[in-house]
């Protein structure tokens, strides 16, 4: 399982304009082929020191879990 981190003001999102991206239907349901739920991926990202620092500085930041379809594998990105 891999979790990529993207936070506004900290890192540029890896998604390119026009590239296919899906949003999980549920944060609590682990999709087939995934090792963790979207909620667990979000919790992992939010525990990252850079994310914690960005959230202290920009309290309005909210995490969004997406599943990019352009890598050819099954992974989440938390942006």
Protein backbone atom coordinates (compact mmCIF):
# COMPACT_ATOMS: atom_id res chain seq x y z
CA UNK A 1 0.00 0.00 0.00
CA UNK A 2 1.28 3.43 -0.76
CA UNK A 3 -0.05 6.73 0.40
CA UNK A 4 0.97 9.89 -1.40
CA UNK A 5 0.72 13.19 0.43
CA UNK A 6 -0.56 16.38 -1.13
CA UNK A 7 -1.37 19.44 0.91
CA UNK A 8 -2.24 22.85 -0.48
CA UNK A 9 0.66 25.13 0.23
CA UNK A 10 3.03 22.27 1.06
CA UNK A 11 3.22 19.99 -1.98
CA UNK A 12 1.84 20.12 -5.49
CA UNK A 13 -0.80 17.49 -6.25
CA UNK A 14 0.40 14.78 -8.61
CA UNK A 15 -2.82 14.74 -10.63
CA UNK A 16 -2.56 16.39 -14.03
CA UNK A 17 -5.50 18.24 -15.54
CA UNK A 18 -7.83 15.86 -17.33
CA UNK A 19 -6.42 12.69 -15.77
CA UNK A 20 -8.97 10.19 -14.42
CA UNK A 21 -9.42 10.24 -10.64
CA UNK A 22 -12.10 8.48 -8.57
CA UNK A 23 -13.41 9.29 -5.12
CA UNK A 24 -14.12 6.31 -2.84
CA UNK A 25 -17.83 5.73 -2.26
CA UNK A 26 -17.22 5.18 1.46
CA UNK A 27 -14.37 6.12 3.78
CA UNK A 28 -15.00 2.98 5.86
CA UNK A 29 -15.07 0.30 3.14
CA UNK A 30 -11.80 -1.17 1.87
CA UNK A 31 -11.99 -1.49 -1.92
CA UNK A 32 -10.97 -4.81 -3.47
CA UNK A 33 -7.19 -4.98 -3.78
CA UNK A 34 -6.52 -2.32 -1.14
CA UNK A 35 -4.91 -3.04 2.22
CA UNK A 36 -6.53 -0.19 4.16
CA UNK A 37 -9.72 1.83 4.10
CA UNK A 38 -9.78 5.40 2.76
CA UNK A 39 -10.26 6.60 6.36
CA UNK A 40 -7.08 4.77 7.45
CA UNK A 41 -5.15 6.30 4.52
CA UNK A 42 -6.39 9.76 5.52
CA UNK A 43 -5.36 9.17 9.16
CA UNK A 44 -1.88 8.12 8.02
CA UNK A 45 -1.54 11.28 5.93
CA UNK A 46 -2.83 13.51 8.71
CA UNK A 47 -0.25 12.06 11.12
CA UNK A 48 2.57 13.23 8.84
CA UNK A 49 4.60 16.03 10.44
CA UNK A 50 4.43 18.26 7.34
CA UNK A 51 0.65 17.89 7.22
CA UNK A 52 0.33 18.64 10.93
CA UNK A 53 2.41 21.79 10.48
CA UNK A 54 0.37 22.91 7.46
CA UNK A 55 -2.89 22.36 9.35
CA UNK A 56 -1.63 24.47 12.26
CA UNK A 57 -0.85 27.28 9.82
CA UNK A 58 -3.96 26.83 7.63
CA UNK A 59 -6.74 25.59 9.90
CA UNK A 60 -9.26 25.47 7.05
CA UNK A 61 -7.37 22.66 5.26
CA UNK A 62 -9.46 19.52 4.78
CA UNK A 63 -8.18 16.19 3.51
CA UNK A 64 -9.75 14.52 0.48
CA UNK A 65 -9.02 10.90 -0.45
CA UNK A 66 -8.86 10.08 -4.14
CA UNK A 67 -7.93 7.02 -6.19
CA UNK A 68 -5.95 8.08 -9.28
CA UNK A 69 -6.44 5.83 -12.29
CA UNK A 70 -3.34 6.93 -14.21
CA UNK A 71 -0.69 4.98 -12.26
CA UNK A 72 -1.95 1.54 -13.26
CA UNK A 73 -1.93 0.36 -9.66
CA UNK A 74 -4.25 0.60 -6.68
CA UNK A 75 -3.35 3.40 -4.32
CA UNK A 76 -4.86 6.35 -2.55
CA UNK A 77 -3.76 9.94 -2.68
CA UNK A 78 -4.74 12.23 0.16
CA UNK A 79 -4.96 15.79 -1.12
